[in-house]
Amino acid sequence: MFPLRDENPTELTPYFTVALIVANVAVWVYLQGAGLREDLLVASVCRYGLIPAELRGASGLIELAPGLGCRLGGLTWQTFFTSMFLHGSWLHLISNMWFLWLFGNNIEDSMGHLRFLVFYVLVGLAAAAAHFWSALDSPVPTIGASGAVSGVMGAYLLLYPRVRIHTLFIFIFFIRIIPVSAWFVLAYWFVIQLLSGISTPALSGGVAFWAHVGGFVAGLLLIKFFENPRLVEAKRRHVRLRPGEIEHRGWF
């Protein structure tokens, strides 16, 4: 199940959503070499990625790839922020930026530009903190915008649960694009992250599920402090008055 687009029109130009996407792409291309040089990629992850064990004073060398590793003892607490702009592959980057664009433009639309930027950074820091506490002794660097994007998704769930999201469903030979309510898409995604976090050993590496959970919950908790009620009501009224919206044709 992969969301493709929503039926939630934007009222404001999403300057900071676009700026964040550009920033992530720029870091990937210029700092991480677009993944074309493994040594450069590993060096950037080691220097700017969040390594819980390093923050707790661990030292030594950890191997991330044959002949390439991290020597613990670089940046410390700053990596809570810097890790949000790093990625491990083109697929990692594109998927995060797709979700940021799909949900971020409407959240920026609902709180204004500067509020959105502050909100994004805060939920990203909360996501990083959740991962840190879930894997205190992990020597594996954590990178990616997915924690902050998860916070944006949590905010979207609370503000626009009934907006339809056109979602790609693939099940063996069944391939369809079906409009589904946002609450179902986002709640389903959150439950998968939560169950995966519970069932996956904290030190195993791979996906930082608790960062996703922490960011999502932070988005739910913080959105009421950052939303602009006038902008939100205008968007909801716009959606309600759109032709055909009275008949809710989507699933769930």
Protein backbone atom coordinates (compact mmCIF):
# COMPACT_ATOMS: atom_id res chain seq x y z
CA MET A 1 0.00 0.00 0.00
CA PHE A 2 1.65 3.22 -1.21
CA PRO A 3 0.01 6.68 -1.12
CA LEU A 4 0.25 8.58 -4.41
CA ARG A 5 -1.72 11.82 -3.95
CA ASP A 6 -4.38 13.36 -1.75
CA GLU A 7 -7.50 15.41 -2.43
CA ASN A 8 -6.48 18.21 -0.09
CA PRO A 9 -5.80 21.41 -2.07
CA THR A 10 -3.22 23.88 -0.80
CA GLU A 11 -3.95 27.55 -0.23
CA LEU A 12 -0.39 28.76 0.38
CA THR A 13 2.76 28.11 -1.62
CA PRO A 14 4.67 25.50 0.46
CA TYR A 15 7.99 27.33 0.47
CA PHE A 16 9.55 25.48 3.39
CA THR A 17 8.34 22.07 2.30
CA VAL A 18 10.12 22.66 -1.01
CA ALA A 19 13.14 24.16 0.78
CA LEU A 20 13.47 21.09 3.03
CA ILE A 21 13.28 18.79 0.02
CA VAL A 22 15.95 20.84 -1.76
CA ALA A 23 18.13 20.81 1.37
CA ASN A 24 17.91 17.03 1.68
CA VAL A 25 18.70 16.52 -2.00
CA ALA A 26 21.61 19.00 -1.80
CA VAL A 27 23.11 17.19 1.19
CA TRP A 28 22.74 13.86 -0.59
CA VAL A 29 24.40 15.12 -3.76
CA TYR A 30 27.13 17.44 -2.46
CA LEU A 31 27.98 16.02 0.96
CA GLN A 32 27.25 12.34 0.37
CA GLY A 33 28.30 12.16 -3.28
CA ALA A 34 24.84 10.93 -4.37
CA GLY A 35 25.85 7.47 -3.19
CA LEU A 36 28.38 7.06 -6.01
CA ARG A 37 31.39 6.86 -3.69
CA GLU A 38 31.03 4.45 -0.81
CA ASP A 39 33.91 5.99 1.14
CA LEU A 40 32.31 9.45 0.97
CA LEU A 41 28.90 8.03 1.92
CA VAL A 42 30.28 6.16 4.93
CA ALA A 43 32.34 9.17 6.04
CA SER A 44 29.28 11.45 5.99
CA VAL A 45 27.17 8.92 7.91
CA CYS A 46 29.91 8.43 10.50
CA ARG A 47 30.46 12.14 11.03
CA TYR A 48 26.90 13.47 10.97
CA GLY A 49 24.74 10.42 11.76
CA LEU A 50 23.25 9.84 15.20
CA ILE A 51 25.17 7.08 17.03
CA PRO A 52 23.59 6.40 20.46
CA ALA A 53 26.64 4.59 21.85
CA GLU A 54 28.88 7.50 20.87
CA LEU A 55 26.65 9.93 22.76
CA ARG A 56 27.10 7.73 25.84
CA GLY A 57 30.89 7.93 25.61
CA ALA A 58 31.71 4.76 23.66
CA SER A 59 34.92 4.72 21.65
CA GLY A 60 36.54 2.45 19.12
CA LEU A 61 36.09 1.47 15.48
CA ILE A 62 32.92 -0.02 13.98
CA GLU A 63 32.79 -1.47 10.47
CA LEU A 64 29.92 -0.36 8.21
CA ALA A 65 31.26 -1.84 4.97
CA PRO A 66 34.25 -3.99 4.03
CA GLY A 67 37.28 -1.87 4.79
CA LEU A 68 35.17 1.14 5.77
CA GLY A 69 34.11 2.03 9.28
CA CYS A 70 33.43 4.71 11.86
CA ARG A 71 35.77 5.74 14.62
CA LEU A 72 33.52 6.85 17.45
CA GLY A 73 34.23 10.24 18.96
CA GLY A 74 33.05 12.81 16.38
CA LEU A 75 30.12 15.19 16.68
CA THR A 76 27.89 14.43 19.63
CA TRP A 77 24.52 16.02 20.41
CA GLN A 78 24.52 18.05 17.19
CA THR A 79 23.86 14.82 15.33
CA PHE A 80 20.26 14.84 16.59
CA PHE A 81 19.81 17.61 14.02
CA THR A 82 22.35 16.78 11.31
CA SER A 83 21.18 13.16 10.98
CA MET A 84 17.79 14.41 9.74
CA PHE A 85 19.33 15.52 6.43
CA LEU A 86 21.33 12.39 5.58
CA HIS A 87 20.23 9.34 3.61
CA GLY A 88 21.66 5.96 2.73
CA SER A 89 20.47 5.50 -0.85
CA TRP A 90 18.44 7.05 -3.65
CA LEU A 91 15.44 4.94 -2.65
CA HIS A 92 15.75 6.09 0.96
CA LEU A 93 15.89 9.73 -0.13
CA ILE A 94 13.12 9.58 -2.74
CA SER A 95 10.65 7.75 -0.49
CA ASN A 96 11.17 10.20 2.37
CA MET A 97 10.88 13.22 0.10
CA TRP A 98 7.75 11.82 -1.54
CA PHE A 99 6.01 11.48 1.81
CA LEU A 100 7.27 14.93 2.88
CA TRP A 101 5.77 16.50 -0.24
CA LEU A 102 2.52 14.55 -0.09
CA PHE A 103 1.73 15.47 3.52
CA GLY A 104 4.03 18.42 4.24
CA ASN A 105 2.50 20.93 1.84
CA ASN A 106 -0.88 20.66 3.58
CA ILE A 107 0.61 20.88 7.07
CA GLU A 108 2.60 23.97 6.11
CA ASP A 109 -0.65 25.26 4.64
CA SER A 110 -2.34 24.72 8.01
CA MET A 111 0.13 26.55 10.25
CA GLY A 112 2.05 29.01 8.10
CA HIS A 113 5.62 28.89 6.85
CA LEU A 114 7.83 29.62 9.88
CA ARG A 115 5.67 27.62 12.27
CA PHE A 116 5.96 24.66 9.94
CA LEU A 117 9.76 24.86 9.89
CA VAL A 118 9.94 24.95 13.70
CA PHE A 119 7.40 22.12 13.93
CA TYR A 120 9.39 19.98 11.48
CA VAL A 121 12.63 20.41 13.40
CA LEU A 122 10.97 19.68 16.76
CA VAL A 123 9.27 16.47 15.64
CA GLY A 124 12.53 15.41 13.98
CA LEU A 125 14.40 15.94 17.26
CA ALA A 126 11.69 14.03 19.13
CA ALA A 127 12.04 11.15 16.66
CA ALA A 128 15.81 11.09 17.14
CA ALA A 129 15.35 11.12 20.92
CA ALA A 130 12.92 8.18 20.72
CA HIS A 131 15.45 6.17 18.75
CA PHE A 132 18.25 7.13 21.15
CA TRP A 133 16.32 5.89 24.18
CA SER A 134 15.29 2.70 22.37
CA ALA A 135 18.89 1.75 21.52
CA LEU A 136 21.17 3.39 24.05
CA ASP A 137 24.15 1.15 23.34
CA SER A 138 23.78 0.90 19.55
CA PRO A 139 26.99 1.71 17.63
CA VAL A 140 25.05 1.88 14.34
CA PRO A 141 24.58 5.39 12.85
CA THR A 142 20.98 6.46 12.34
CA ILE A 143 20.15 8.78 9.44
CA GLY A 144 17.16 9.97 7.45
CA ALA A 145 14.30 12.45 7.38
CA SER A 146 11.71 9.76 8.10
CA GLY A 147 11.37 10.65 11.79
CA ALA A 148 10.51 14.26 11.02
CA VAL A 149 8.27 13.21 8.14
CA SER A 150 6.48 10.84 10.53
CA GLY A 151 5.67 13.84 12.70
CA VAL A 152 4.15 15.58 9.70
CA MET A 153 2.06 12.45 9.04
CA GLY A 154 0.85 12.41 12.65
CA ALA A 155 -0.26 16.03 12.30
CA TYR A 156 -2.08 15.21 9.05
CA LEU A 157 -3.96 12.36 10.73
CA LEU A 158 -5.29 14.67 13.42
CA LEU A 159 -6.20 17.55 11.11
CA TYR A 160 -7.55 15.80 8.00
CA PRO A 161 -8.57 12.22 8.85
CA ARG A 162 -11.33 12.04 6.23
CA VAL A 163 -9.44 13.47 3.27
CA ARG A 164 -9.11 10.84 0.56
CA ILE A 165 -5.66 9.62 -0.43
CA HIS A 166 -5.30 7.83 -3.74
CA THR A 167 -3.32 4.76 -2.77
CA LEU A 168 -1.59 2.09 -4.84
CA PHE A 169 -2.52 -1.41 -3.70
CA ILE A 170 -0.44 -4.37 -4.90
CA PHE A 171 -1.38 -7.90 -3.89
CA ILE A 172 0.02 -10.64 -6.15
CA PHE A 173 -1.80 -9.90 -9.45
CA PHE A 174 -4.16 -7.32 -7.95
CA ILE A 175 -2.89 -3.82 -8.75
CA ARG A 176 -5.28 -0.93 -8.23
CA ILE A 177 -5.26 2.76 -7.26
CA ILE A 178 -8.03 3.23 -4.72
CA PRO A 179 -9.09 6.39 -2.80
CA VAL A 180 -8.81 5.66 0.91
CA SER A 181 -9.44 7.90 3.91
CA ALA A 182 -6.29 9.40 5.42
CA TRP A 183 -7.04 8.00 8.86
CA PHE A 184 -6.86 4.44 7.50
CA VAL A 185 -3.64 4.96 5.52
CA LEU A 186 -1.85 6.74 8.36
CA ALA A 187 -3.17 4.59 11.21
CA TYR A 188 -2.21 1.45 9.27
CA TRP A 189 1.29 2.84 8.70
CA PHE A 190 1.69 3.75 12.39
CA VAL A 191 0.58 0.31 13.61
CA ILE A 192 3.10 -1.35 11.28
CA GLN A 193 5.89 0.85 12.69
CA LEU A 194 4.82 0.15 16.27
CA LEU A 195 4.60 -3.61 15.82
CA SER A 196 7.91 -3.65 13.94
CA GLY A 197 9.58 -1.67 16.72
CA ILE A 198 8.29 -4.08 19.36
CA SER A 199 9.37 -7.17 17.42
CA THR A 200 12.76 -5.94 16.16
CA PRO A 201 15.82 -6.06 18.46
CA ALA A 202 16.99 -2.53 19.22
CA LEU A 203 20.63 -3.19 18.30
CA SER A 204 19.98 -5.03 15.04
CA GLY A 205 20.35 -1.97 12.80
CA GLY A 206 18.18 -1.48 9.72
CA VAL A 207 15.07 0.69 10.04
CA ALA A 208 14.74 2.92 13.11
CA PHE A 209 11.11 2.05 13.83
CA TRP A 210 11.01 3.82 17.19
CA ALA A 211 12.11 7.04 15.51
CA HIS A 212 9.04 6.73 13.28
CA VAL A 213 6.81 6.05 16.29
CA GLY A 214 8.32 8.90 18.30
CA GLY A 215 8.04 11.39 15.46
CA PHE A 216 4.44 10.41 14.73
CA VAL A 217 3.39 10.76 18.37
CA ALA A 218 5.21 14.10 18.61
CA GLY A 219 3.26 15.30 15.58
CA LEU A 220 -0.03 14.29 17.23
CA LEU A 221 0.89 16.10 20.45
CA LEU A 222 2.34 19.28 18.96
CA ILE A 223 0.00 20.04 16.09
CA LYS A 224 -2.58 21.82 18.27
CA PHE A 225 0.13 24.22 19.44
CA PHE A 226 1.25 25.03 15.90
CA GLU A 227 -1.89 24.93 13.77
CA ASN A 228 -3.53 28.14 12.62
CA PRO A 229 -7.26 27.53 13.29
CA ARG A 230 -8.28 30.04 10.61
CA LEU A 231 -6.18 28.32 7.94
CA VAL A 232 -7.30 24.85 9.00
CA GLU A 233 -10.99 25.76 8.93
CA ALA A 234 -10.59 27.39 5.52
CA LYS A 235 -8.99 24.21 4.17
CA ARG A 236 -11.66 21.98 5.69
CA ARG A 237 -14.40 24.17 4.26
CA HIS A 238 -12.70 24.10 0.85
CA VAL A 239 -12.56 20.30 0.93
CA ARG A 240 -16.18 19.97 2.06
CA LEU A 241 -17.43 22.24 -0.71
CA ARG A 242 -15.54 20.59 -3.54
CA PRO A 243 -17.80 19.02 -6.21
CA GLY A 244 -18.52 15.39 -5.42
CA GLU A 245 -17.09 15.53 -1.90
CA ILE A 246 -20.53 15.15 -0.31
CA GLU A 247 -20.64 11.59 -1.62
CA HIS A 248 -17.73 9.90 0.13
CA ARG A 249 -16.72 7.37 -2.51
CA GLY A 250 -13.41 6.27 -0.97
CA TRP A 251 -12.91 3.19 1.14
CA PHE A 252 -13.17 3.56 4.94
